[in-house]
């Protein structure tokens, strides 16, 4: 009798895991498709660590560091472009005489 219960519980756990995997996959696909469709809502881009935080913790840290570095580079480029435009406007192209 105990073996039958264990077998049934094992089967139910496997089915539950399978359902969760399919649900997660469907959620991921829906999120990516929603990003492609025009809408008034800003759809967040979900990453693997949003679904499995403990499994992808290291990758999340690496990605966040990369994003911060990219944002800093973008900021520097925007400031450089703004200063070049300022110099061109007020000093004739920024060329020294």
Protein backbone atom coordinates (compact mmCIF):
# COMPACT_ATOMS: atom_id res chain seq x y z
CA UNK A 1 0.00 0.00 0.00
CA UNK A 2 2.87 2.37 0.82
CA UNK A 3 4.56 1.63 -2.50
CA UNK A 4 1.41 2.56 -4.38
CA UNK A 5 1.14 5.91 -2.54
CA UNK A 6 4.81 6.67 -3.18
CA UNK A 7 4.36 5.85 -6.85
CA UNK A 8 1.29 8.07 -7.12
CA UNK A 9 3.01 10.93 -5.27
CA UNK A 10 6.08 10.58 -7.48
CA UNK A 11 3.88 10.66 -10.57
CA UNK A 12 2.08 13.77 -9.29
CA UNK A 13 5.40 15.53 -8.57
CA UNK A 14 6.67 14.75 -12.07
CA UNK A 15 3.43 16.01 -13.62
CA UNK A 16 3.59 19.16 -11.52
CA UNK A 17 7.19 19.79 -12.60
CA UNK A 18 6.24 19.24 -16.24
CA UNK A 19 3.31 21.65 -15.94
CA UNK A 20 5.53 24.30 -14.31
CA UNK A 21 8.13 23.94 -17.07
CA UNK A 22 5.49 24.34 -19.76
CA UNK A 23 3.94 27.29 -17.95
CA UNK A 24 7.30 29.00 -17.62
CA UNK A 25 8.09 28.39 -21.28
CA UNK A 26 4.72 29.81 -22.30
CA UNK A 27 5.27 32.84 -20.09
CA UNK A 28 8.68 33.46 -21.63
CA UNK A 29 7.33 33.20 -25.19
CA UNK A 30 4.41 35.50 -24.36
CA UNK A 31 6.75 38.07 -22.82
CA UNK A 32 9.04 38.10 -25.86
CA UNK A 33 6.08 38.41 -28.24
CA UNK A 34 4.58 41.21 -26.15
CA UNK A 35 7.83 43.15 -26.56
CA UNK A 36 7.38 43.04 -30.35
CA UNK A 37 3.79 44.27 -30.35
CA UNK A 38 3.07 47.99 -30.22
CA UNK A 39 1.41 48.97 -26.97
CA UNK A 40 1.13 51.83 -24.52
CA UNK A 41 2.57 49.65 -21.77
CA UNK A 42 6.29 49.25 -21.38
CA UNK A 43 6.76 45.49 -21.30
CA UNK A 44 9.72 44.52 -19.10
CA UNK A 45 12.29 42.25 -20.64
CA UNK A 46 12.40 39.22 -18.39
CA UNK A 47 15.63 37.28 -18.20
CA UNK A 48 16.38 33.72 -17.04
CA UNK A 49 17.20 34.89 -13.50
CA UNK A 50 13.72 36.35 -13.22
CA UNK A 51 12.40 32.80 -13.45
CA UNK A 52 15.25 30.91 -11.74
CA UNK A 53 16.97 33.41 -9.42
CA UNK A 54 19.19 30.96 -7.55
CA UNK A 55 20.34 29.15 -10.65
CA UNK A 56 21.38 32.26 -12.61
CA UNK A 57 22.57 34.56 -9.82
CA UNK A 58 26.12 34.86 -11.16
CA UNK A 59 24.92 35.64 -14.69
CA UNK A 60 22.58 38.30 -13.32
CA UNK A 61 25.47 40.07 -11.57
CA UNK A 62 27.58 39.91 -14.75
CA UNK A 63 24.69 41.26 -16.85
CA UNK A 64 24.01 44.12 -14.42
CA UNK A 65 27.70 45.08 -14.39
CA UNK A 66 27.72 45.01 -18.20
CA UNK A 67 24.57 47.18 -18.36
CA UNK A 68 26.06 49.71 -15.94
CA UNK A 69 29.24 49.88 -17.99
CA UNK A 70 27.22 50.38 -21.18
CA UNK A 71 25.14 53.14 -19.56
CA UNK A 72 28.31 54.90 -18.43
CA UNK A 73 29.80 54.68 -21.94
CA UNK A 74 26.56 55.99 -23.46
CA UNK A 75 26.54 58.88 -20.99
CA UNK A 76 30.16 59.74 -21.82
CA UNK A 77 29.41 59.66 -25.55
CA UNK A 78 26.36 61.91 -25.13
CA UNK A 79 28.37 64.40 -23.07
CA UNK A 80 31.21 64.33 -25.61
CA UNK A 81 28.75 64.97 -28.45
CA UNK A 82 27.15 67.82 -26.49
CA UNK A 83 30.52 69.43 -25.82
CA UNK A 84 31.56 69.05 -29.45
CA UNK A 85 28.32 70.75 -30.54
CA UNK A 86 28.88 73.51 -27.98
CA UNK A 87 32.45 74.06 -29.13
CA UNK A 88 31.41 74.08 -32.79
CA UNK A 89 28.73 76.64 -32.08
CA UNK A 90 30.77 79.03 -29.96
CA UNK A 91 34.36 78.42 -31.00
CA UNK A 92 34.04 77.60 -34.69
CA UNK A 93 34.45 73.84 -34.65
CA UNK A 94 36.66 73.56 -31.61
CA UNK A 95 39.86 74.02 -33.64
CA UNK A 96 42.57 75.96 -31.90
CA UNK A 97 44.39 78.75 -33.72
